[in-house]
């Protein structure tokens, strides 16, 4: 999340969707077994919002690694 904030990725995004996306990506990288549905429900967002947010975060954060 701190990398996303430094790159100003959260600007204009739903905070709960962003938080759910960060948690989802974190769970994938640490081999935690948690579903998109569970995280989306807990955050009060749709699974589509979570998936799109995760996709966008991956894309933006991979840019910061290359730069």
Protein backbone atom coordinates (compact mmCIF):
# COMPACT_ATOMS: atom_id res chain seq x y z
CA UNK A 1 0.00 0.00 0.00
CA UNK A 2 2.81 2.40 0.79
CA UNK A 3 4.28 1.87 -2.71
CA UNK A 4 0.88 2.63 -4.23
CA UNK A 5 0.51 5.80 -2.17
CA UNK A 6 4.00 7.00 -3.08
CA UNK A 7 3.14 6.52 -6.77
CA UNK A 8 -0.16 8.35 -6.17
CA UNK A 9 -2.12 5.37 -7.50
CA UNK A 10 -5.02 5.77 -5.02
CA UNK A 11 -5.99 9.19 -6.41
CA UNK A 12 -9.63 9.04 -7.44
CA UNK A 13 -10.18 5.45 -6.36
CA UNK A 14 -12.66 3.94 -3.95
CA UNK A 15 -10.65 3.54 -0.72
CA UNK A 16 -12.34 0.29 0.27
CA UNK A 17 -11.83 -1.19 -3.20
CA UNK A 18 -8.17 -0.21 -3.11
CA UNK A 19 -7.71 -1.68 0.37
CA UNK A 20 -9.39 -4.93 -0.68
CA UNK A 21 -7.18 -5.09 -3.78
CA UNK A 22 -4.03 -4.57 -1.72
CA UNK A 23 -5.11 -7.27 0.74
CA UNK A 24 -5.90 -9.65 -2.12
CA UNK A 25 -2.52 -9.14 -3.78
CA UNK A 26 -0.82 -9.51 -0.39
CA UNK A 27 -2.65 -12.76 0.25
CA UNK A 28 -1.52 -14.12 -3.13
CA UNK A 29 2.10 -13.28 -2.48
CA UNK A 30 2.03 -14.92 0.94
CA UNK A 31 0.10 -18.05 -0.19
CA UNK A 32 -2.86 -17.22 2.05
CA UNK A 33 -6.06 -18.97 1.07
CA UNK A 34 -8.62 -16.17 0.93
CA UNK A 35 -11.16 -15.68 -1.81
CA UNK A 36 -11.96 -12.57 -3.78
CA UNK A 37 -15.57 -13.02 -2.73
CA UNK A 38 -14.65 -13.01 0.97
CA UNK A 39 -12.50 -9.88 0.69
CA UNK A 40 -15.01 -8.09 -1.51
CA UNK A 41 -17.84 -8.80 0.91
CA UNK A 42 -15.77 -7.67 3.90
CA UNK A 43 -14.86 -4.43 2.12
CA UNK A 44 -18.37 -3.82 0.81
CA UNK A 45 -17.30 -3.81 -2.83
CA UNK A 46 -17.98 -6.12 -5.75
CA UNK A 47 -15.61 -8.85 -6.85
CA UNK A 48 -15.28 -7.03 -10.16
CA UNK A 49 -14.08 -3.90 -8.34
CA UNK A 50 -11.54 -5.98 -6.43
CA UNK A 51 -10.29 -7.75 -9.58
CA UNK A 52 -10.00 -4.53 -11.57
CA UNK A 53 -8.23 -2.81 -8.69
CA UNK A 54 -5.79 -5.70 -8.32
CA UNK A 55 -5.10 -5.72 -12.06
CA UNK A 56 -4.51 -1.97 -12.10
CA UNK A 57 -2.27 -2.10 -9.03
CA UNK A 58 -0.14 -4.87 -10.52
CA UNK A 59 0.25 -2.87 -13.71
CA UNK A 60 1.14 0.39 -11.96
CA UNK A 61 3.48 -1.19 -9.43
CA UNK A 62 5.30 -3.13 -12.14
CA UNK A 63 5.96 0.22 -13.85
CA UNK A 64 7.61 1.50 -10.67
CA UNK A 65 9.87 -1.54 -10.56
CA UNK A 66 11.03 -0.89 -14.14
CA UNK A 67 11.62 2.83 -13.51
